C-alpha atoms as a PDB file:
ATOM      1  CA  UNK A   1     -34.357 -23.106   6.844  1.00  0.00           C
ATOM      2  CA  UNK A   2     -31.302 -23.818   9.003  1.00  0.00           C
ATOM      3  CA  UNK A   3     -30.272 -21.221  11.586  1.00  0.00           C
ATOM      4  CA  UNK A   4     -27.009 -20.457   9.731  1.00  0.00           C
ATOM      5  CA  UNK A   5     -28.965 -19.833   6.509  1.00  0.00           C
ATOM      6  CA  UNK A   6     -31.161 -17.384   8.399  1.00  0.00           C
ATOM      7  CA  UNK A   7     -28.057 -15.675   9.800  1.00  0.00           C
ATOM      8  CA  UNK A   8     -26.460 -15.409   6.352  1.00  0.00           C
ATOM      9  CA  UNK A   9     -29.677 -13.975   4.923  1.00  0.00           C
ATOM     10  CA  UNK A  10     -29.834 -11.408   7.742  1.00  0.00           C
ATOM     11  CA  UNK A  11     -26.174 -10.408   7.193  1.00  0.00           C
ATOM     12  CA  UNK A  12     -26.702 -10.104   3.433  1.00  0.00           C
ATOM     13  CA  UNK A  13     -29.698  -7.834   3.959  1.00  0.00           C
ATOM     14  CA  UNK A  14     -27.839  -5.834   6.618  1.00  0.00           C
ATOM     15  CA  UNK A  15     -24.923  -5.146   4.262  1.00  0.00           C
ATOM     16  CA  UNK A  16     -26.926  -4.554   1.085  1.00  0.00           C
ATOM     17  CA  UNK A  17     -28.116  -1.136  -0.002  1.00  0.00           C
ATOM     18  CA  UNK A  18     -26.009   0.928   2.410  1.00  0.00           C
ATOM     19  CA  UNK A  19     -25.290   4.517   1.418  1.00  0.00           C
ATOM     20  CA  UNK A  20     -22.813   7.148   2.545  1.00  0.00           C
ATOM     21  CA  UNK A  21     -22.850  10.920   2.741  1.00  0.00           C
ATOM     22  CA  UNK A  22     -20.097  13.180   4.060  1.00  0.00           C
ATOM     23  CA  UNK A  23     -20.660  16.447   5.888  1.00  0.00           C
ATOM     24  CA  UNK A  24     -18.016  19.157   6.229  1.00  0.00           C
ATOM     25  CA  UNK A  25     -19.355  21.982   8.359  1.00  0.00           C
ATOM     26  CA  UNK A  26     -22.574  22.985   6.597  1.00  0.00           C
ATOM     27  CA  UNK A  27     -21.910  21.282   3.249  1.00  0.00           C
ATOM     28  CA  UNK A  28     -23.149  17.813   2.366  1.00  0.00           C
ATOM     29  CA  UNK A  29     -21.806  15.571  -0.360  1.00  0.00           C
ATOM     30  CA  UNK A  30     -24.164  13.687  -2.606  1.00  0.00           C
ATOM     31  CA  UNK A  31     -25.343  10.309  -1.375  1.00  0.00           C
ATOM     32  CA  UNK A  32     -23.411   7.384  -2.817  1.00  0.00           C
ATOM     33  CA  UNK A  33     -23.795   3.616  -2.634  1.00  0.00           C
ATOM     34  CA  UNK A  34     -21.346   1.761  -0.374  1.00  0.00           C
ATOM     35  CA  UNK A  35     -19.763  -1.128  -2.242  1.00  0.00           C
ATOM     36  CA  UNK A  36     -17.642  -2.510   0.605  1.00  0.00           C
ATOM     37  CA  UNK A  37     -17.106  -2.204   4.314  1.00  0.00           C
ATOM     38  CA  UNK A  38     -19.486  -2.322   7.234  1.00  0.00           C
ATOM     39  CA  UNK A  39     -21.740   0.245   8.862  1.00  0.00           C
ATOM     40  CA  UNK A  40     -19.777   2.304  11.379  1.00  0.00           C
ATOM     41  CA  UNK A  41     -21.298   2.425  14.815  1.00  0.00           C
ATOM     42  CA  UNK A  42     -23.201  -0.825  14.408  1.00  0.00           C
ATOM     43  CA  UNK A  43     -22.953  -3.500  17.063  1.00  0.00           C
ATOM     44  CA  UNK A  44     -21.905  -6.206  14.630  1.00  0.00           C
ATOM     45  CA  UNK A  45     -19.522  -4.017  12.597  1.00  0.00           C
ATOM     46  CA  UNK A  46     -16.367  -4.837  14.581  1.00  0.00           C
ATOM     47  CA  UNK A  47     -16.984  -8.594  14.306  1.00  0.00           C
ATOM     48  CA  UNK A  48     -17.560  -8.352  10.553  1.00  0.00           C
ATOM     49  CA  UNK A  49     -14.424  -6.229  10.174  1.00  0.00           C
ATOM     50  CA  UNK A  50     -12.302  -8.761  12.074  1.00  0.00           C
ATOM     51  CA  UNK A  51     -13.554 -11.666   9.980  1.00  0.00           C
ATOM     52  CA  UNK A  52     -12.764  -9.707   6.813  1.00  0.00           C
ATOM     53  CA  UNK A  53      -9.343  -8.468   7.879  1.00  0.00           C
ATOM     54  CA  UNK A  54      -8.189 -11.834   9.250  1.00  0.00           C
ATOM     55  CA  UNK A  55      -8.957 -13.464   5.910  1.00  0.00           C
ATOM     56  CA  UNK A  56      -7.079 -10.681   4.108  1.00  0.00           C
ATOM     57  CA  UNK A  57      -3.987 -11.247   6.274  1.00  0.00           C
ATOM     58  CA  UNK A  58      -4.126 -14.990   5.617  1.00  0.00           C
ATOM     59  CA  UNK A  59      -4.415 -14.595   1.832  1.00  0.00           C
ATOM     60  CA  UNK A  60      -1.631 -12.016   1.608  1.00  0.00           C
ATOM     61  CA  UNK A  61       0.605 -14.088   3.883  1.00  0.00           C
ATOM     62  CA  UNK A  62       0.284 -17.095   1.566  1.00  0.00           C
ATOM     63  CA  UNK A  63       1.698 -15.097  -1.354  1.00  0.00           C
ATOM     64  CA  UNK A  64       4.665 -13.680   0.548  1.00  0.00           C
ATOM     65  CA  UNK A  65       3.337 -10.309   1.698  1.00  0.00           C
ATOM     66  CA  UNK A  66       4.169  -9.392   5.307  1.00  0.00           C
ATOM     67  CA  UNK A  67       1.057  -8.339   7.230  1.00  0.00           C
ATOM     68  CA  UNK A  68       0.778  -6.717  10.655  1.00  0.00           C
ATOM     69  CA  UNK A  69      -2.607  -6.212  12.343  1.00  0.00           C
ATOM     70  CA  UNK A  70      -3.384  -3.968  15.283  1.00  0.00           C
ATOM     71  CA  UNK A  71      -6.932  -3.028  16.301  1.00  0.00           C
ATOM     72  CA  UNK A  72      -8.468  -1.553  13.138  1.00  0.00           C
ATOM     73  CA  UNK A  73      -5.174  -0.958  11.355  1.00  0.00           C
ATOM     74  CA  UNK A  74      -3.406  -3.094   8.749  1.00  0.00           C
ATOM     75  CA  UNK A  75       0.150  -2.666   7.547  1.00  0.00           C
ATOM     76  CA  UNK A  76       1.424  -4.722   4.650  1.00  0.00           C
ATOM     77  CA  UNK A  77       4.868  -4.659   3.201  1.00  0.00           C
ATOM     78  CA  UNK A  78       7.454  -6.503   1.170  1.00  0.00           C
ATOM     79  CA  UNK A  79      10.861  -5.732  -0.200  1.00  0.00           C
ATOM     80  CA  UNK A  80      10.622  -4.182  -3.667  1.00  0.00           C
ATOM     81  CA  UNK A  81      13.828  -4.657  -5.662  1.00  0.00           C
ATOM     82  CA  UNK A  82      12.513  -4.650  -9.223  1.00  0.00           C
ATOM     83  CA  UNK A  83       9.355  -4.405 -11.310  1.00  0.00           C
ATOM     84  CA  UNK A  84       8.627  -8.119 -10.759  1.00  0.00           C
ATOM     85  CA  UNK A  85       8.276  -7.413  -7.034  1.00  0.00           C
ATOM     86  CA  UNK A  86       5.923  -4.528  -7.777  1.00  0.00           C
ATOM     87  CA  UNK A  87       3.816  -6.805  -9.985  1.00  0.00           C
ATOM     88  CA  UNK A  88       3.790  -9.476  -7.252  1.00  0.00           C
ATOM     89  CA  UNK A  89       2.500  -6.982  -4.692  1.00  0.00           C
ATOM     90  CA  UNK A  90      -0.178  -5.701  -7.068  1.00  0.00           C
ATOM     91  CA  UNK A  91      -1.240  -9.267  -7.912  1.00  0.00           C
ATOM     92  CA  UNK A  92      -1.558 -10.069  -4.202  1.00  0.00           C
ATOM     93  CA  UNK A  93      -3.760  -7.014  -3.665  1.00  0.00           C
ATOM     94  CA  UNK A  94      -5.873  -7.936  -6.705  1.00  0.00           C
ATOM     95  CA  UNK A  95      -6.523 -11.408  -5.232  1.00  0.00           C
ATOM     96  CA  UNK A  96      -8.688  -9.851  -2.566  1.00  0.00           C
END
């Protein structure tokens, strides 16, 4: 097995089966499966986030959506004049 295949297998296993639970004071939510995102507080989380968000900015930019990135924040915008513009924005978001 090539080293990159081993790395991809490790990343797949790292990101699979993650769960989330929220605590507010003394109350806990039920545990739920995470379907997207990366584990907060992990060493590799920021790198995975950057690779994800950079691809998002590239895809949205190709379809005419303005994208601004700063640290862990993303702003996207376009001028909405009519319902066609709204549909264009929704289609761009659905691409990713």
